[in-house]
Amino acid sequence: MSAKTPLRMRPEGMKATEALGRRRAVKHIIAVKLDRLFRNAADALQQTQEWDKAGVSLHVIDMAGSAVDTRSAVGRMFFTLTAAFAEMERNLTSERTKSALAHKKATGRVYTRIVPFGYDREGDVLTANVAEMEVVRYMQQLKAQGTSLRRIAAVLNEEQKPTKQRGKWHLVTVQKVLRVHGIC
């Protein structure tokens, strides 16, 4: 799981939290890098505040070449700043990824392993699949008429319109296709 998921929601984080609750003998948590534990400043601060109340201190071994101990005021301040920077880095990475994918989509480049319905892959370029684009236009017409996604899927199945994988149409499949084409 990703470090952006709150620590309590990750399997190993749950185990650590439960272990701390059961045993008051635990006084220290040691992590090699802060971003392996947290990428959300609020989660980092909340969790370490709970640990502080329980008498548990966090030791981060590699913080720009130094170690940080949250028992001291300076260590806590440095930890708080670093948690904010870890969150900012996660957000910047997300923004860059979204921007790169949007650019690829806008320029007709392959942006995922799965070729979207309505396109064929030719090398690193997506080209329109004429037959599939007719189905996309039909879906768009039905949607514009106020037809529900579930009903659109049913109509496509009734009319035996093929999917990319030659399976059945489902509400989610219709939604994904329309989203790719900027409708839903």
Protein backbone atom coordinates (compact mmCIF):
# COMPACT_ATOMS: atom_id res chain seq x y z
CA MET A 1 0.00 0.00 0.00
CA SER A 2 1.00 3.57 -0.52
CA ALA A 3 2.34 5.84 2.20
CA LYS A 4 -0.43 8.29 1.23
CA THR A 5 -2.89 5.86 2.83
CA PRO A 6 -3.19 6.73 6.53
CA LEU A 7 -0.93 4.55 8.69
CA ARG A 8 -3.88 3.03 10.57
CA MET A 9 -5.44 1.89 7.27
CA ARG A 10 -2.39 -0.07 6.09
CA PRO A 11 -1.99 -3.71 7.23
CA GLU A 12 1.38 -3.23 8.94
CA GLY A 13 0.28 0.11 10.36
CA MET A 14 -2.76 -1.57 11.92
CA LYS A 15 -0.51 -4.22 13.47
CA ALA A 16 1.80 -1.57 14.93
CA THR A 17 -1.09 0.47 16.30
CA GLU A 18 -2.67 -2.61 17.88
CA ALA A 19 0.68 -3.70 19.36
CA LEU A 20 1.15 -0.26 20.92
CA GLY A 21 -2.34 -0.43 22.41
CA ARG A 22 -1.79 -3.84 23.97
CA ARG A 23 1.75 -3.40 25.28
CA ARG A 24 2.80 -0.39 27.26
CA ALA A 25 6.37 -1.74 27.09
CA VAL A 26 6.79 -0.20 23.62
CA LYS A 27 8.55 3.15 24.01
CA HIS A 28 10.12 3.70 20.59
CA ILE A 29 9.16 3.36 16.95
CA ILE A 30 12.05 3.41 14.51
CA ALA A 31 11.65 4.20 10.83
CA VAL A 32 14.37 4.51 8.23
CA LYS A 33 12.62 7.24 6.25
CA LEU A 34 9.64 9.41 7.14
CA ASP A 35 8.04 9.08 3.71
CA ARG A 36 7.77 5.31 4.20
CA LEU A 37 5.39 5.99 7.10
CA PHE A 38 3.57 9.16 6.07
CA ARG A 39 2.88 11.32 3.03
CA ASN A 40 0.11 13.23 4.70
CA ALA A 41 1.16 15.84 7.26
CA ALA A 42 -2.12 15.70 9.20
CA ASP A 43 -1.86 11.90 9.53
CA ALA A 44 1.79 12.16 10.62
CA LEU A 45 1.04 14.81 13.24
CA GLN A 46 -2.08 13.08 14.56
CA GLN A 47 -0.38 9.69 14.78
CA THR A 48 2.75 11.00 16.50
CA GLN A 49 0.60 13.04 18.90
CA GLU A 50 -1.16 9.81 19.91
CA TRP A 51 2.22 8.12 20.32
CA ASP A 52 3.42 11.02 22.47
CA LYS A 53 0.41 10.63 24.78
CA ALA A 54 1.23 6.93 25.09
CA GLY A 55 4.85 7.75 25.91
CA VAL A 56 6.14 6.42 22.59
CA SER A 57 8.66 8.40 20.57
CA LEU A 58 9.34 8.15 16.86
CA HIS A 59 12.92 7.96 15.65
CA VAL A 60 13.49 8.59 11.96
CA ILE A 61 16.99 7.46 11.09
CA ASP A 62 17.56 9.07 7.70
CA MET A 63 16.32 12.65 7.66
CA ALA A 64 18.68 14.37 5.24
CA GLY A 65 21.67 12.63 6.80
CA SER A 66 20.53 13.14 10.39
CA ALA A 67 18.31 11.30 12.82
CA VAL A 68 15.21 12.87 14.34
CA ASP A 69 13.74 12.03 17.73
CA THR A 70 10.24 13.38 18.36
CA ARG A 71 10.84 13.52 22.13
CA SER A 72 12.67 16.84 21.83
CA ALA A 73 11.11 20.18 20.84
CA VAL A 74 13.59 20.66 17.99
CA GLY A 75 13.07 17.10 16.80
CA ARG A 76 9.29 17.59 16.86
CA MET A 77 9.55 20.88 14.92
CA PHE A 78 11.85 19.32 12.33
CA PHE A 79 9.50 16.33 12.08
CA THR A 80 6.50 18.65 11.52
CA LEU A 81 8.27 20.55 8.74
CA THR A 82 9.49 17.35 7.11
CA ALA A 83 5.99 15.83 7.23
CA ALA A 84 4.68 18.91 5.40
CA PHE A 85 7.41 18.59 2.75
CA ALA A 86 6.67 14.86 2.31
CA GLU A 87 3.02 15.70 1.66
CA MET A 88 4.01 18.45 -0.76
CA GLU A 89 6.24 16.01 -2.66
CA ARG A 90 3.39 13.53 -2.93
CA ASN A 91 1.10 16.28 -4.25
CA LEU A 92 3.71 17.50 -6.75
CA THR A 93 4.22 13.94 -8.02
CA SER A 94 0.46 13.57 -8.43
CA GLU A 95 0.21 16.89 -10.30
CA ARG A 96 3.09 15.99 -12.63
CA THR A 97 1.59 12.57 -13.35
CA LYS A 98 -1.85 14.02 -14.10
CA SER A 99 -0.30 16.68 -16.33
CA ALA A 100 1.78 14.14 -18.25
CA LEU A 101 -1.22 11.84 -18.76
CA ALA A 102 -3.40 14.75 -19.88
CA HIS A 103 -0.73 15.79 -22.38
CA LYS A 104 -0.48 12.24 -23.74
CA LYS A 105 -4.27 12.02 -24.06
CA ALA A 106 -4.48 15.41 -25.78
CA THR A 107 -1.79 14.48 -28.29
CA GLY A 108 -3.13 11.00 -29.05
CA ARG A 109 -0.28 9.16 -27.36
CA VAL A 110 -0.62 5.86 -25.49
CA TYR A 111 -1.18 6.67 -21.81
CA THR A 112 -2.13 3.29 -20.36
CA ARG A 113 -1.53 -0.40 -21.00
CA ILE A 114 -5.19 -0.85 -21.92
CA VAL A 115 -6.19 0.60 -25.27
CA PRO A 116 -9.32 2.71 -24.71
CA PHE A 117 -12.51 1.80 -26.52
CA GLY A 118 -12.71 3.87 -29.70
CA TYR A 119 -8.99 3.59 -30.45
CA ASP A 120 -6.39 1.18 -31.76
CA ARG A 121 -2.76 1.23 -30.77
CA GLU A 122 -0.16 1.73 -33.48
CA GLY A 123 3.20 1.78 -31.77
CA ASP A 124 3.05 4.60 -29.24
CA VAL A 125 0.11 6.36 -30.91
CA LEU A 126 -3.64 5.94 -30.52
CA THR A 127 -5.63 6.05 -33.76
CA ALA A 128 -9.40 6.17 -34.07
CA ASN A 129 -11.16 2.84 -34.60
CA VAL A 130 -14.02 3.78 -36.95
CA ALA A 131 -16.41 0.98 -35.89
CA GLU A 132 -15.85 1.61 -32.18
CA MET A 133 -16.19 5.37 -32.62
CA GLU A 134 -19.67 4.78 -34.11
CA VAL A 135 -20.61 2.99 -30.88
CA VAL A 136 -19.13 5.86 -28.85
CA ARG A 137 -21.21 8.40 -30.78
CA TYR A 138 -24.30 6.23 -30.23
CA MET A 139 -23.55 6.12 -26.50
CA GLN A 140 -23.13 9.90 -26.49
CA GLN A 141 -26.51 10.33 -28.23
CA LEU A 142 -28.24 8.10 -25.71
CA LYS A 143 -26.60 9.94 -22.82
CA ALA A 144 -27.60 13.33 -24.30
CA GLN A 145 -31.21 12.08 -24.45
CA GLY A 146 -31.05 11.42 -20.69
CA THR A 147 -30.66 7.66 -20.89
CA SER A 148 -29.08 6.19 -17.74
CA LEU A 149 -25.71 4.46 -17.97
CA ARG A 150 -27.33 1.17 -16.92
CA ARG A 151 -29.91 1.51 -19.71
CA ILE A 152 -27.21 2.42 -22.26
CA ALA A 153 -25.38 -0.80 -21.33
CA ALA A 154 -28.59 -2.79 -21.72
CA VAL A 155 -29.31 -1.23 -25.13
CA LEU A 156 -25.79 -1.96 -26.35
CA ASN A 157 -26.13 -5.57 -25.21
CA GLU A 158 -29.58 -5.91 -26.80
CA GLU A 159 -28.21 -4.56 -30.07
CA GLN A 160 -25.12 -6.79 -29.72
CA LYS A 161 -22.65 -3.91 -30.00
CA PRO A 162 -19.23 -5.44 -29.32
CA THR A 163 -16.99 -4.32 -26.48
CA LYS A 164 -13.22 -4.12 -26.88
CA GLN A 165 -12.88 -7.60 -25.36
CA ARG A 166 -16.03 -8.98 -27.05
CA GLY A 167 -17.80 -9.26 -23.68
CA LYS A 168 -20.94 -7.68 -22.27
CA TRP A 169 -21.56 -4.00 -21.62
CA HIS A 170 -21.96 -2.93 -17.99
CA LEU A 171 -22.73 0.40 -16.36
CA VAL A 172 -19.08 0.85 -15.33
CA THR A 173 -17.81 0.01 -18.83
CA VAL A 174 -20.12 2.59 -20.38
CA GLN A 175 -19.06 5.16 -17.78
CA LYS A 176 -15.34 4.54 -18.50
CA VAL A 177 -15.83 4.83 -22.26
CA LEU A 178 -17.79 8.07 -21.93
CA ARG A 179 -15.21 9.45 -19.48
CA VAL A 180 -12.36 8.70 -21.92
CA HIS A 181 -14.29 10.63 -24.55
CA GLY A 182 -14.98 13.55 -22.21
CA ILE A 183 -18.68 12.93 -21.65
CA CYS A 184 -19.07 11.47 -18.16
